[in-house]
Structure formats: structure tokens, C-alpha cells
C-alpha atoms as a PDB file:
ATOM      1  CA  MET A   1     -83.331  62.278 -76.847  1.00  0.00           C
ATOM      2  CA  ARG A   2     -85.230  64.123 -73.880  1.00  0.00           C
ATOM      3  CA  THR A   3     -83.753  66.822 -72.211  1.00  0.00           C
ATOM      4  CA  GLU A   4     -83.827  66.887 -68.148  1.00  0.00           C
ATOM      5  CA  ALA A   5     -84.923  70.292 -66.958  1.00  0.00           C
ATOM      6  CA  ARG A   6     -82.733  72.595 -64.682  1.00  0.00           C
ATOM      7  CA  ARG A   7     -83.641  72.614 -61.104  1.00  0.00           C
ATOM      8  CA  PRO A   8     -85.313  76.467 -60.872  1.00  0.00           C
ATOM      9  CA  THR A   9     -84.005  78.891 -58.358  1.00  0.00           C
ATOM     10  CA  PHE A  10     -86.194  79.967 -55.211  1.00  0.00           C
ATOM     11  CA  ARG A  11     -85.528  83.225 -56.622  1.00  0.00           C
ATOM     12  CA  GLN A  12     -87.380  82.137 -59.705  1.00  0.00           C
ATOM     13  CA  LEU A  13     -90.023  80.509 -58.426  1.00  0.00           C
ATOM     14  CA  GLU A  14     -90.801  83.671 -56.174  1.00  0.00           C
ATOM     15  CA  ALA A  15     -90.919  85.326 -59.266  1.00  0.00           C
ATOM     16  CA  PHE A  16     -93.602  83.184 -60.830  1.00  0.00           C
ATOM     17  CA  HIS A  17     -95.510  83.025 -58.159  1.00  0.00           C
ATOM     18  CA  ALA A  18     -95.225  86.844 -57.670  1.00  0.00           C
ATOM     19  CA  VAL A  19     -96.594  87.248 -61.191  1.00  0.00           C
ATOM     20  CA  MET A  20     -99.546  84.529 -60.492  1.00  0.00           C
ATOM     21  CA  THR A  21    -100.702  85.567 -57.752  1.00  0.00           C
ATOM     22  CA  GLY A  22    -100.315  89.805 -58.677  1.00  0.00           C
ATOM     23  CA  GLY A  23    -101.885  89.099 -62.457  1.00  0.00           C
ATOM     24  CA  SER A  24     -98.862  90.951 -64.021  1.00  0.00           C
ATOM     25  CA  MET A  25     -95.435  91.854 -64.540  1.00  0.00           C
ATOM     26  CA  LYS A  26     -96.141  95.189 -62.686  1.00  0.00           C
ATOM     27  CA  ALA A  27     -97.444  93.574 -59.998  1.00  0.00           C
ATOM     28  CA  ALA A  28     -95.256  91.371 -59.164  1.00  0.00           C
ATOM     29  CA  ALA A  29     -92.514  93.545 -59.573  1.00  0.00           C
ATOM     30  CA  GLU A  30     -93.389  96.135 -56.859  1.00  0.00           C
ATOM     31  CA  THR A  31     -94.579  92.820 -54.702  1.00  0.00           C
ATOM     32  CA  LEU A  32     -90.580  92.032 -54.801  1.00  0.00           C
ATOM     33  CA  PHE A  33     -89.563  95.314 -54.937  1.00  0.00           C
ATOM     34  CA  ILE A  34     -87.424  94.862 -58.862  1.00  0.00           C
ATOM     35  CA  SER A  35     -87.859  96.130 -62.192  1.00  0.00           C
ATOM     36  CA  GLN A  36     -90.586  94.764 -64.409  1.00  0.00           C
ATOM     37  CA  ALA A  37     -87.351  93.640 -66.855  1.00  0.00           C
ATOM     38  CA  ALA A  38     -86.098  92.133 -63.765  1.00  0.00           C
ATOM     39  CA  VAL A  39     -89.243  89.918 -63.331  1.00  0.00           C
ATOM     40  CA  SER A  40     -89.991  89.573 -66.982  1.00  0.00           C
ATOM     41  CA  LYS A  41     -85.617  87.896 -67.260  1.00  0.00           C
ATOM     42  CA  LEU A  42     -86.696  85.762 -64.082  1.00  0.00           C
ATOM     43  CA  ILE A  43     -89.598  83.949 -65.812  1.00  0.00           C
ATOM     44  CA  ALA A  44     -87.805  83.586 -68.846  1.00  0.00           C
ATOM     45  CA  SER A  45     -84.985  81.979 -67.639  1.00  0.00           C
ATOM     46  CA  LEU A  46     -87.837  79.634 -65.247  1.00  0.00           C
ATOM     47  CA  GLU A  47     -89.031  78.674 -69.122  1.00  0.00           C
ATOM     48  CA  GLU A  48     -85.907  78.026 -70.135  1.00  0.00           C
ATOM     49  CA  ASP A  49     -84.600  75.619 -67.216  1.00  0.00           C
ATOM     50  CA  LEU A  50     -87.762  73.494 -67.084  1.00  0.00           C
ATOM     51  CA  GLY A  51     -88.315  73.570 -71.419  1.00  0.00           C
ATOM     52  CA  LEU A  52     -91.794  74.886 -70.598  1.00  0.00           C
ATOM     53  CA  SER A  53     -94.136  77.684 -71.686  1.00  0.00           C
ATOM     54  CA  LEU A  54     -96.013  78.772 -68.618  1.00  0.00           C
ATOM     55  CA  PHE A  55     -97.569  82.046 -70.186  1.00  0.00           C
ATOM     56  CA  GLU A  56     -99.514  82.919 -73.205  1.00  0.00           C
ATOM     57  CA  SER A  57     -99.672  86.570 -74.696  1.00  0.00           C
ATOM     58  CA  LYS A  58    -103.239  87.773 -74.808  1.00  0.00           C
ATOM     59  CA  ARG A  59    -104.657  90.780 -75.346  1.00  0.00           C
ATOM     60  CA  GLY A  60    -104.683  92.107 -72.324  1.00  0.00           C
ATOM     61  CA  GLY A  61    -101.678  91.072 -70.808  1.00  0.00           C
ATOM     62  CA  LEU A  62    -100.499  87.589 -69.831  1.00  0.00           C
ATOM     63  CA  ARG A  63    -102.548  84.405 -68.808  1.00  0.00           C
ATOM     64  CA  PRO A  64    -100.745  81.442 -67.652  1.00  0.00           C
ATOM     65  CA  SER A  65    -100.357  77.837 -69.764  1.00  0.00           C
ATOM     66  CA  GLU A  66    -101.887  74.983 -68.773  1.00  0.00           C
ATOM     67  CA  ALA A  67     -98.588  73.814 -67.269  1.00  0.00           C
ATOM     68  CA  GLY A  68     -98.629  77.255 -65.828  1.00  0.00           C
ATOM     69  CA  GLN A  69    -101.576  76.911 -63.463  1.00  0.00           C
ATOM     70  CA  VAL A  70    -100.464  73.097 -62.568  1.00  0.00           C
ATOM     71  CA  MET A  71     -96.879  75.151 -61.077  1.00  0.00           C
ATOM     72  CA  HIS A  72     -98.996  77.645 -59.383  1.00  0.00           C
ATOM     73  CA  GLN A  73    -100.461  74.994 -57.523  1.00  0.00           C
ATOM     74  CA  GLN A  74     -96.985  73.588 -56.553  1.00  0.00           C
ATOM     75  CA  THR A  75     -95.577  77.328 -55.692  1.00  0.00           C
ATOM     76  CA  ARG A  76     -98.925  77.632 -53.719  1.00  0.00           C
ATOM     77  CA  GLN A  77     -98.167  74.794 -51.545  1.00  0.00           C
ATOM     78  CA  LEU A  78     -94.101  76.198 -51.698  1.00  0.00           C
ATOM     79  CA  PHE A  79     -94.497  79.766 -50.640  1.00  0.00           C
ATOM     80  CA  GLY A  80     -97.429  77.990 -47.746  1.00  0.00           C
ATOM     81  CA  ALA A  81     -95.007  75.867 -46.132  1.00  0.00           C
ATOM     82  CA  VAL A  82     -92.331  78.931 -46.283  1.00  0.00           C
ATOM     83  CA  TRP A  83     -94.390  81.505 -45.185  1.00  0.00           C
ATOM     84  CA  LYS A  84     -95.518  78.844 -42.140  1.00  0.00           C
ATOM     85  CA  LEU A  85     -92.093  78.452 -41.386  1.00  0.00           C
ATOM     86  CA  ALA A  86     -91.052  81.951 -40.900  1.00  0.00           C
ATOM     87  CA  ASP A  87     -94.801  82.280 -38.528  1.00  0.00           C
ATOM     88  CA  LEU A  88     -93.387  79.497 -36.364  1.00  0.00           C
ATOM     89  CA  ALA A  89     -89.998  80.984 -36.540  1.00  0.00           C
ATOM     90  CA  ASP A  90     -91.158  84.014 -34.855  1.00  0.00           C
ATOM     91  CA  LYS A  91     -93.539  81.995 -32.500  1.00  0.00           C
ATOM     92  CA  LEU A  92     -90.176  80.393 -31.416  1.00  0.00           C
ATOM     93  CA  ARG A  93     -88.074  83.469 -30.839  1.00  0.00           C
ATOM     94  CA  ASP A  94     -90.964  84.446 -28.959  1.00  0.00           C
ATOM     95  CA  ARG A  95     -91.103  81.390 -26.933  1.00  0.00           C
ATOM     96  CA  GLU A  96     -94.768  80.533 -28.060  1.00  0.00           C
ATOM     97  CA  ALA A  97     -93.650  77.464 -30.327  1.00  0.00           C
ATOM     98  CA  GLY A  98     -91.125  74.400 -29.602  1.00  0.00           C
ATOM     99  CA  ARG A  99     -90.856  71.618 -27.200  1.00  0.00           C
ATOM    100  CA  LEU A 100     -90.319  71.048 -23.552  1.00  0.00           C
ATOM    101  CA  ARG A 101     -89.881  68.079 -21.688  1.00  0.00           C
ATOM    102  CA  ILE A 102     -89.897  68.442 -17.937  1.00  0.00           C
ATOM    103  CA  ALA A 103     -89.090  65.327 -15.213  1.00  0.00           C
ATOM    104  CA  ALA A 104     -90.826  66.691 -12.216  1.00  0.00           C
ATOM    105  CA  MET A 105     -91.014  64.922  -8.553  1.00  0.00           C
ATOM    106  CA  SER A 106     -95.121  63.921  -8.290  1.00  0.00           C
ATOM    107  CA  THR A 107     -95.266  67.096  -5.108  1.00  0.00           C
ATOM    108  CA  LEU A 108     -95.694  68.985  -8.289  1.00  0.00           C
ATOM    109  CA  SER A 109     -96.190  67.097 -11.004  1.00  0.00           C
ATOM    110  CA  VAL A 110     -99.945  66.090  -9.978  1.00  0.00           C
ATOM    111  CA  SER A 111    -101.359  69.678  -9.492  1.00  0.00           C
ATOM    112  CA  GLY A 112     -98.974  72.372  -8.434  1.00  0.00           C
ATOM    113  CA  LEU A 113     -97.181  72.606 -11.897  1.00  0.00           C
ATOM    114  CA  PRO A 114    -100.013  71.659 -14.162  1.00  0.00           C
ATOM    115  CA  ARG A 115    -101.816  74.491 -12.724  1.00  0.00           C
ATOM    116  CA  LEU A 116     -98.809  77.357 -13.032  1.00  0.00           C
ATOM    117  CA  LEU A 117     -98.326  75.764 -16.425  1.00  0.00           C
ATOM    118  CA  ALA A 118    -101.724  76.421 -18.127  1.00  0.00           C
ATOM    119  CA  GLY A 119    -101.172  79.614 -17.422  1.00  0.00           C
ATOM    120  CA  VAL A 120     -98.040  80.108 -19.393  1.00  0.00           C
ATOM    121  CA  LEU A 121     -99.159  77.696 -22.008  1.00  0.00           C
ATOM    122  CA  GLN A 122    -102.161  80.011 -22.839  1.00  0.00           C
ATOM    123  CA  GLY A 123    -102.448  81.795 -26.308  1.00  0.00           C
ATOM    124  CA  ARG A 124     -99.032  79.244 -26.941  1.00  0.00           C
ATOM    125  CA  GLU A 125    -101.009  76.818 -28.961  1.00  0.00           C
ATOM    126  CA  ALA A 126     -98.089  75.532 -30.687  1.00  0.00           C
ATOM    127  CA  LEU A 127     -96.140  74.745 -27.725  1.00  0.00           C
ATOM    128  CA  GLN A 128     -95.641  71.435 -26.662  1.00  0.00           C
ATOM    129  CA  VAL A 129     -95.068  70.350 -23.111  1.00  0.00           C
ATOM    130  CA  GLU A 130     -94.600  67.325 -21.674  1.00  0.00           C
ATOM    131  CA  VAL A 131     -94.217  66.673 -17.815  1.00  0.00           C
ATOM    132  CA  ASP A 132     -94.028  63.420 -15.967  1.00  0.00           C
ATOM    133  CA  THR A 133     -94.053  61.820 -12.619  1.00  0.00           C
ATOM    134  CA  PHE A 134     -89.961  60.334 -11.422  1.00  0.00           C
ATOM    135  CA  SER A 135     -88.296  60.202  -8.245  1.00  0.00           C
ATOM    136  CA  SER A 136     -85.575  62.483  -7.471  1.00  0.00           C
ATOM    137  CA  ASN A 137     -83.035  60.098  -8.006  1.00  0.00           C
ATOM    138  CA  GLU A 138     -84.341  59.220 -11.544  1.00  0.00           C
ATOM    139  CA  ILE A 139     -84.982  62.950 -12.626  1.00  0.00           C
ATOM    140  CA  ILE A 140     -81.237  63.557 -12.261  1.00  0.00           C
ATOM    141  CA  GLY A 141     -80.265  60.591 -14.617  1.00  0.00           C
ATOM    142  CA  LEU A 142     -82.929  61.486 -16.638  1.00  0.00           C
ATOM    143  CA  VAL A 143     -82.029  65.137 -16.931  1.00  0.00           C
ATOM    144  CA  ARG A 144     -78.283  64.742 -17.236  1.00  0.00           C
ATOM    145  CA  ASP A 145     -78.848  61.828 -20.123  1.00  0.00           C
ATOM    146  CA  ARG A 146     -81.104  64.798 -21.815  1.00  0.00           C
ATOM    147  CA  ARG A 147     -84.033  62.726 -22.121  1.00  0.00           C
ATOM    148  CA  TYR A 148     -85.727  65.440 -20.216  1.00  0.00           C
ATOM    149  CA  ASP A 149     -84.815  69.257 -20.692  1.00  0.00           C
ATOM    150  CA  ILE A 150     -85.372  70.371 -17.013  1.00  0.00           C
ATOM    151  CA  GLY A 151     -85.445  68.922 -13.713  1.00  0.00           C
ATOM    152  CA  LEU A 152     -87.855  69.369 -10.603  1.00  0.00           C
ATOM    153  CA  ALA A 153     -85.986  67.426  -7.550  1.00  0.00           C
ATOM    154  CA  MET A 154     -85.865  67.863  -4.063  1.00  0.00           C
ATOM    155  CA  PRO A 155     -82.779  66.600  -1.952  1.00  0.00           C
ATOM    156  CA  PRO A 156     -80.598  64.650  -1.088  1.00  0.00           C
ATOM    157  CA  VAL A 157     -79.525  64.102  -4.956  1.00  0.00           C
ATOM    158  CA  ASP A 158     -76.224  63.581  -6.774  1.00  0.00           C
ATOM    159  CA  LEU A 159     -75.502  66.981  -8.985  1.00  0.00           C
ATOM    160  CA  ASP A 160     -72.754  65.226 -10.939  1.00  0.00           C
ATOM    161  CA  GLY A 161     -73.830  65.920 -14.573  1.00  0.00           C
ATOM    162  CA  VAL A 162     -76.266  68.105 -13.686  1.00  0.00           C
ATOM    163  CA  GLU A 163     -76.048  72.097 -13.333  1.00  0.00           C
ATOM    164  CA  LEU A 164     -78.694  73.728 -10.680  1.00  0.00           C
ATOM    165  CA  ILE A 165     -80.630  76.536 -12.309  1.00  0.00           C
ATOM    166  CA  GLN A 166     -82.301  77.811  -9.056  1.00  0.00           C
ATOM    167  CA  ALA A 167     -82.724  76.174  -5.624  1.00  0.00           C
ATOM    168  CA  TYR A 168     -85.821  77.328  -3.342  1.00  0.00           C
ATOM    169  CA  ARG A 169     -85.866  76.682   0.488  1.00  0.00           C
ATOM    170  CA  LEU A 170     -89.694  77.224   1.282  1.00  0.00           C
ATOM    171  CA  ARG A 171     -91.392  76.612   4.948  1.00  0.00           C
ATOM    172  CA  CYS A 172     -93.048  72.940   5.490  1.00  0.00           C
ATOM    173  CA  LYS A 173     -96.727  73.232   6.660  1.00  0.00           C
ATOM    174  CA  CYS A 174     -98.293  70.927   9.566  1.00  0.00           C
ATOM    175  CA  ILE A 175    -101.876  69.307   8.364  1.00  0.00           C
ATOM    176  CA  SER A 176    -104.715  67.589   9.965  1.00  0.00           C
ATOM    177  CA  ALA A 177    -108.125  65.993   8.766  1.00  0.00           C
ATOM    178  CA  THR A 178    -110.277  69.404   9.166  1.00  0.00           C
ATOM    179  CA  PRO A 179    -109.304  72.985   9.513  1.00  0.00           C
ATOM    180  CA  GLY A 180    -111.094  72.657  12.872  1.00  0.00           C
ATOM    181  CA  ASP A 181    -108.051  70.560  14.326  1.00  0.00           C
ATOM    182  CA  PHE A 182    -105.681  72.509  17.331  1.00  0.00           C
ATOM    183  CA  GLY A 183    -108.939  74.355  18.127  1.00  0.00           C
ATOM    184  CA  GLY A 184    -109.162  76.165  14.837  1.00  0.00           C
ATOM    185  CA  ALA A 185    -105.498  77.105  15.186  1.00  0.00           C
ATOM    186  CA  ALA A 186    -103.980  78.693  12.269  1.00  0.00           C
ATOM    187  CA  ARG A 187    -100.478  78.422  13.388  1.00  0.00           C
ATOM    188  CA  VAL A 188     -99.327  75.520  15.963  1.00  0.00           C
ATOM    189  CA  ASP A 189     -95.637  74.577  17.124  1.00  0.00           C
ATOM    190  CA  PRO A 190     -94.164  71.207  18.251  1.00  0.00           C
ATOM    191  CA  SER A 191     -95.992  70.756  21.997  1.00  0.00           C
ATOM    192  CA  MET A 192     -99.485  70.987  20.105  1.00  0.00           C
ATOM    193  CA  LEU A 193     -98.269  67.420  18.182  1.00  0.00           C
ATOM    194  CA  ALA A 194     -97.306  66.034  21.423  1.00  0.00           C
ATOM    195  CA  GLY A 195     -98.197  62.520  21.778  1.00  0.00           C
ATOM    196  CA  ARG A 196    -101.102  62.808  18.646  1.00  0.00           C
ATOM    197  CA  GLU A 197    -100.368  60.337  16.000  1.00  0.00           C
ATOM    198  CA  PHE A 198     -98.159  61.272  13.270  1.00  0.00           C
ATOM    199  CA  VAL A 199     -98.227  60.485   9.831  1.00  0.00           C
ATOM    200  CA  SER A 200     -94.385  60.266   8.549  1.00  0.00           C
ATOM    201  CA  LEU A 201     -92.721  60.685   5.165  1.00  0.00           C
ATOM    202  CA  ALA A 202     -90.511  57.850   4.822  1.00  0.00           C
ATOM    203  CA  GLU A 203     -87.055  58.220   5.619  1.00  0.00           C
ATOM    204  CA  GLY A 204     -84.142  59.195   3.159  1.00  0.00           C
ATOM    205  CA  SER A 205     -85.321  62.491   2.751  1.00  0.00           C
ATOM    206  CA  PHE A 206     -84.059  66.137   4.300  1.00  0.00           C
ATOM    207  CA  THR A 207     -87.587  67.040   5.260  1.00  0.00           C
ATOM    208  CA  ARG A 208     -88.038  64.292   7.441  1.00  0.00           C
ATOM    209  CA  LEU A 209     -84.426  63.928   8.716  1.00  0.00           C
ATOM    210  CA  ARG A 210     -84.877  68.039  10.132  1.00  0.00           C
ATOM    211  CA  ILE A 211     -88.396  67.255  11.665  1.00  0.00           C
ATOM    212  CA  ASP A 212     -86.956  64.047  13.329  1.00  0.00           C
ATOM    213  CA  GLU A 213     -84.456  66.039  14.634  1.00  0.00           C
ATOM    214  CA  LEU A 214     -86.711  69.090  15.811  1.00  0.00           C
ATOM    215  CA  PHE A 215     -88.920  66.768  17.973  1.00  0.00           C
ATOM    216  CA  THR A 216     -85.689  64.634  19.171  1.00  0.00           C
ATOM    217  CA  ALA A 217     -83.967  68.207  20.306  1.00  0.00           C
ATOM    218  CA  GLN A 218     -86.934  69.212  22.211  1.00  0.00           C
ATOM    219  CA  ASN A 219     -87.789  65.872  23.753  1.00  0.00           C
ATOM    220  CA  ILE A 220     -91.642  65.516  22.304  1.00  0.00           C
ATOM    221  CA  PRO A 221     -92.994  62.505  21.598  1.00  0.00           C
ATOM    222  CA  ARG A 222     -95.039  61.582  18.726  1.00  0.00           C
ATOM    223  CA  ARG A 223     -96.750  58.193  18.144  1.00  0.00           C
ATOM    224  CA  MET A 224     -95.791  57.006  14.552  1.00  0.00           C
ATOM    225  CA  ALA A 225     -98.962  55.869  12.882  1.00  0.00           C
ATOM    226  CA  VAL A 226     -97.760  54.999   9.281  1.00  0.00           C
ATOM    227  CA  SER A 227     -95.008  55.663   6.677  1.00  0.00           C
ATOM    228  CA  ALA A 228     -95.083  57.163   2.914  1.00  0.00           C
ATOM    229  CA  ARG A 229     -92.697  57.707   0.535  1.00  0.00           C
ATOM    230  CA  SER A 230     -94.700  59.946  -1.526  1.00  0.00           C
ATOM    231  CA  PRO A 231     -96.217  63.512   0.774  1.00  0.00           C
ATOM    232  CA  ALA A 232     -99.664  62.538  -1.491  1.00  0.00           C
ATOM    233  CA  THR A 233     -99.641  59.683   0.102  1.00  0.00           C
ATOM    234  CA  VAL A 234     -99.497  61.051   3.527  1.00  0.00           C
ATOM    235  CA  ALA A 235    -101.785  63.792   3.142  1.00  0.00           C
ATOM    236  CA  THR A 236    -104.406  60.775   2.165  1.00  0.00           C
ATOM    237  CA  PHE A 237    -103.389  58.980   5.184  1.00  0.00           C
ATOM    238  CA  VAL A 238    -103.641  62.439   7.540  1.00  0.00           C
ATOM    239  CA  LEU A 239    -107.146  62.966   5.698  1.00  0.00           C
ATOM    240  CA  HIS A 240    -108.706  59.954   6.820  1.00  0.00           C
ATOM    241  CA  GLY A 241    -108.165  60.313  10.141  1.00  0.00           C
ATOM    242  CA  ARG A 242    -104.750  58.367  10.661  1.00  0.00           C
ATOM    243  CA  GLY A 243    -103.189  61.585  12.556  1.00  0.00           C
ATOM    244  CA  VAL A 244    -101.157  64.705  11.512  1.00  0.00           C
ATOM    245  CA  SER A 245     -97.810  65.596   9.448  1.00  0.00           C
ATOM    246  CA  ILE A 246     -95.794  67.768   8.178  1.00  0.00           C
ATOM    247  CA  VAL A 247     -94.937  68.451   4.497  1.00  0.00           C
ATOM    248  CA  ASP A 248     -93.638  70.511   2.056  1.00  0.00           C
ATOM    249  CA  PRO A 249     -96.236  73.484   0.797  1.00  0.00           C
ATOM    250  CA  PHE A 250     -97.529  72.269  -2.128  1.00  0.00           C
ATOM    251  CA  THR A 251     -98.690  68.801  -0.776  1.00  0.00           C
ATOM    252  CA  ALA A 252    -100.453  71.174   1.495  1.00  0.00           C
ATOM    253  CA  ALA A 253    -102.339  73.554  -0.524  1.00  0.00           C
ATOM    254  CA  ASP A 254    -103.680  70.265  -2.163  1.00  0.00           C
ATOM    255  CA  HIS A 255    -104.613  68.981   1.176  1.00  0.00           C
ATOM    256  CA  GLY A 256    -106.442  72.081   1.646  1.00  0.00           C
ATOM    257  CA  ALA A 257    -108.073  71.962  -1.696  1.00  0.00           C
ATOM    258  CA  ARG A 258    -109.622  68.249  -0.340  1.00  0.00           C
ATOM    259  CA  GLY A 259    -111.054  69.793   2.913  1.00  0.00           C
ATOM    260  CA  GLY A 260    -108.483  68.866   5.177  1.00  0.00           C
ATOM    261  CA  GLY A 261    -106.773  71.217   7.807  1.00  0.00           C
ATOM    262  CA  VAL A 262    -103.803  73.205   6.744  1.00  0.00           C
ATOM    263  CA  HIS A 263    -101.344  75.257   9.641  1.00  0.00           C
ATOM    264  CA  GLU A 264     -98.504  77.477   9.652  1.00  0.00           C
ATOM    265  CA  PHE A 265     -95.559  75.662  11.819  1.00  0.00           C
ATOM    266  CA  ASP A 266     -93.137  77.010  14.258  1.00  0.00           C
ATOM    267  CA  PRO A 267     -90.301  76.675  14.257  1.00  0.00           C
ATOM    268  CA  PRO A 268     -89.759  76.083  10.281  1.00  0.00           C
ATOM    269  CA  ILE A 269     -88.656  73.440   8.898  1.00  0.00           C
ATOM    270  CA  PRO A 270     -87.364  73.937   5.485  1.00  0.00           C
ATOM    271  CA  SER A 271     -88.623  72.141   2.473  1.00  0.00           C
ATOM    272  CA  THR A 272     -85.838  72.490  -0.936  1.00  0.00           C
ATOM    273  CA  VAL A 273     -86.944  72.143  -4.631  1.00  0.00           C
ATOM    274  CA  LEU A 274     -84.206  72.317  -7.111  1.00  0.00           C
ATOM    275  CA  TRP A 275     -84.872  73.419 -10.967  1.00  0.00           C
ATOM    276  CA  LEU A 276     -81.869  71.514 -12.835  1.00  0.00           C
ATOM    277  CA  LYS A 277     -80.443  70.833 -16.429  1.00  0.00           C
ATOM    278  CA  ALA A 278     -77.633  69.286 -17.703  1.00  0.00           C
ATOM    279  CA  VAL A 279     -74.614  70.250 -17.758  1.00  0.00           C
ATOM    280  CA  GLY A 280     -73.647  72.238 -21.244  1.00  0.00           C
ATOM    281  CA  ALA A 281     -77.683  71.899 -22.022  1.00  0.00           C
ATOM    282  CA  PRO A 282     -79.282  75.047 -23.228  1.00  0.00           C
ATOM    283  CA  LEU A 283     -81.797  76.060 -21.244  1.00  0.00           C
ATOM    284  CA  PRO A 284     -85.140  75.866 -23.389  1.00  0.00           C
ATOM    285  CA  ALA A 285     -86.694  79.335 -24.740  1.00  0.00           C
ATOM    286  CA  VAL A 286     -89.569  79.013 -22.801  1.00  0.00           C
ATOM    287  CA  PHE A 287     -87.970  78.248 -19.109  1.00  0.00           C
ATOM    288  CA  PRO A 288     -87.672  81.752 -18.425  1.00  0.00           C
ATOM    289  CA  ASP A 289     -91.216  82.445 -18.202  1.00  0.00           C
ATOM    290  CA  ILE A 290     -92.193  79.097 -16.966  1.00  0.00           C
ATOM    291  CA  ARG A 291     -89.460  79.814 -14.193  1.00  0.00           C
ATOM    292  CA  SER A 292     -90.717  83.317 -13.811  1.00  0.00           C
ATOM    293  CA  ALA A 293     -94.349  82.305 -12.735  1.00  0.00           C
ATOM    294  CA  PHE A 294     -92.669  79.594 -10.733  1.00  0.00           C
ATOM    295  CA  ASP A 295     -90.745  82.528  -8.797  1.00  0.00           C
ATOM    296  CA  GLU A 296     -94.452  84.634  -8.904  1.00  0.00           C
ATOM    297  CA  ALA A 297     -96.428  81.398  -7.224  1.00  0.00           C
ATOM    298  CA  VAL A 298     -93.745  80.058  -4.395  1.00  0.00           C
ATOM    299  CA  ARG A 299     -92.230  83.853  -3.210  1.00  0.00           C
ATOM    300  CA  PRO A 300     -95.109  84.208  -0.220  1.00  0.00           C
ATOM    301  CA  LEU A 301     -94.236  80.361   0.658  1.00  0.00           C
ATOM    302  CA  LEU A 302     -90.187  81.338   1.285  1.00  0.00           C
ATOM    303  CA  LEU A 303     -88.610  80.678   4.240  1.00  0.00           C
ATOM    304  CA  GLU A 304     -85.365  82.333   4.140  1.00  0.00           C
ATOM    305  CA  GLY A 305     -84.456  83.676   0.310  1.00  0.00           C
ATOM    306  CA  TRP A 306     -84.372  82.141  -3.346  1.00  0.00           C
ATOM    307  CA  VAL A 307     -81.267  80.066  -2.698  1.00  0.00           C
ATOM    308  CA  ALA A 308     -81.030  76.804  -0.624  1.00  0.00           C
END
């Protein structure tokens, strides 16, 4: 009746692999920081457990048997995987590997966030990042259900089930079709928009509410040409001569890159951005680096401190 081999221990396999790669019991002992006798004992117990002779005594030392050569092919794969695992652990510890899923509003997911992440991801080929675009209310649900690790949204939103990591109050900017609008002025005020066609954000956003309140309080009329929910759509209308607008600084930066006019606006109108995660969920290891890069990017855009 055939006797089944006992499962080898990791230490036995480690000793066998060390002998095969080092070429002798002495070399294996030095690699493993144990005595030659301890190596010999591990090899003998491995052969006994497997029911195989792994080495043959030849003049000048040990040589692997045919079974030993086949076994070595497997231990090479085993220890290769172990070393890859150790390397992955180092990268995870150093924030160079892992997976990060970010749900962001279109204002940031289209260009601003990818530009920022490109710098953070440099040299971190093992780190997988997924960025998807949703409305702010959708982002809350996705983060709360832990389908995404981090959310980047704008109020008003219901924060039930999510935790605020950081809020930023940023200065909105005025955009126009060309840099030469307003006589090329770098800074404009509400009076300079009086009677002009205005491309508005759709009702329901804090930014739209604050813009309307400002012009109403100063009794300055605007011709509401068109409105859109997406700031990027608003900017496209402006670029094609449908009027002027006031938008968040990220949209304004993209507008300027496309050849449109970007002007500082006084008095300041805030645009609030929120980093969010699910209540009780750990922060991804790489997030502190992303947050640091984001902080540096928005520092010149801050309206009044870090927290809204």
C-alpha cells in the first residue's frame, strides 16, 4: 500500500532551496544563519517526509537527484512569489502600491484631479487608481456604501453616513470669451457685468445661490442667457460668446487653457470643495500624499483658511 508524503514545512523547503542555490550545505548554513548540522537535519527530514532522495553524494559534494531538480523548479517559483509578496508589502508600507477609488464631480475629475494624480503616481506603477465622475449627491451614496474609498464633492449634500475629511473655501473667478474682455482688466466687480448676458449655473448649487444674492443685493441686472448644471458646460457657452459667468477656480483654469478670459472677481464668492469618506472606513495609505498635493495646488485659490 502506497504511503502518502507528509506536507513539507516552510523551513524544510527554505533549507532545500538554500542548498540548491548555494551549491552546498555550508553555503546554505551561511545564508540561513544556522549550523551545517541543522541544514543536514532539515534536508534529511524533508527527504523522509516526501519519501524521495533529493541529493546524491558525489565526489566533491552533493548533487541534486532528478527528483531534486524537479523539486527545485517548484521551490524557485515558491520563493519568487514570497519575495514578490515581501516587495509588495514594502510598497504598500511606502504608499507605492494598492488600489484607490475616487468618486469626484466633473469639475475636478475631467482635468484638475488627473493632473494632480499624475504627479503623485509617478514612480508608483504598482498603485492602481480609479477616478469616476458623478454628481455630488451620487458621490455621497457611493462613498457611504464603500463602493468608492474617497469622494470629492460640493455642497449642498447630506453627510449622513459619511465623514468630512477636509473642506476648502476657494475663490470663484469671472470668465469671458477672450482675455481682452472688460478692456483686458485682470479684476472685475459686479458693476462691470451690469446688463451683460450671463451664463448661469443651474439652480440648487451654493455657488449659484451666492452669485444671485450678491447681484440682487447690489441691484445689478444681468441678462440670463442660458443656464447649465455642469460648470464645464457653462464655460463652453462662455467660450463661444454666449455671455460671461462666475465659476469655481478649477473650471476657470481649464477655460483659460482653452484661450478664454479669466478675471479675478470682487467681492469674493466662495466655492466649497469637500473630501469625504465612509464613517469608520480607514483612509487609503496613499491618501495623505494625494491630500498634500491637493493642499499645495489649491493654496493660492483659498478664500479664507482651510476649513469651510
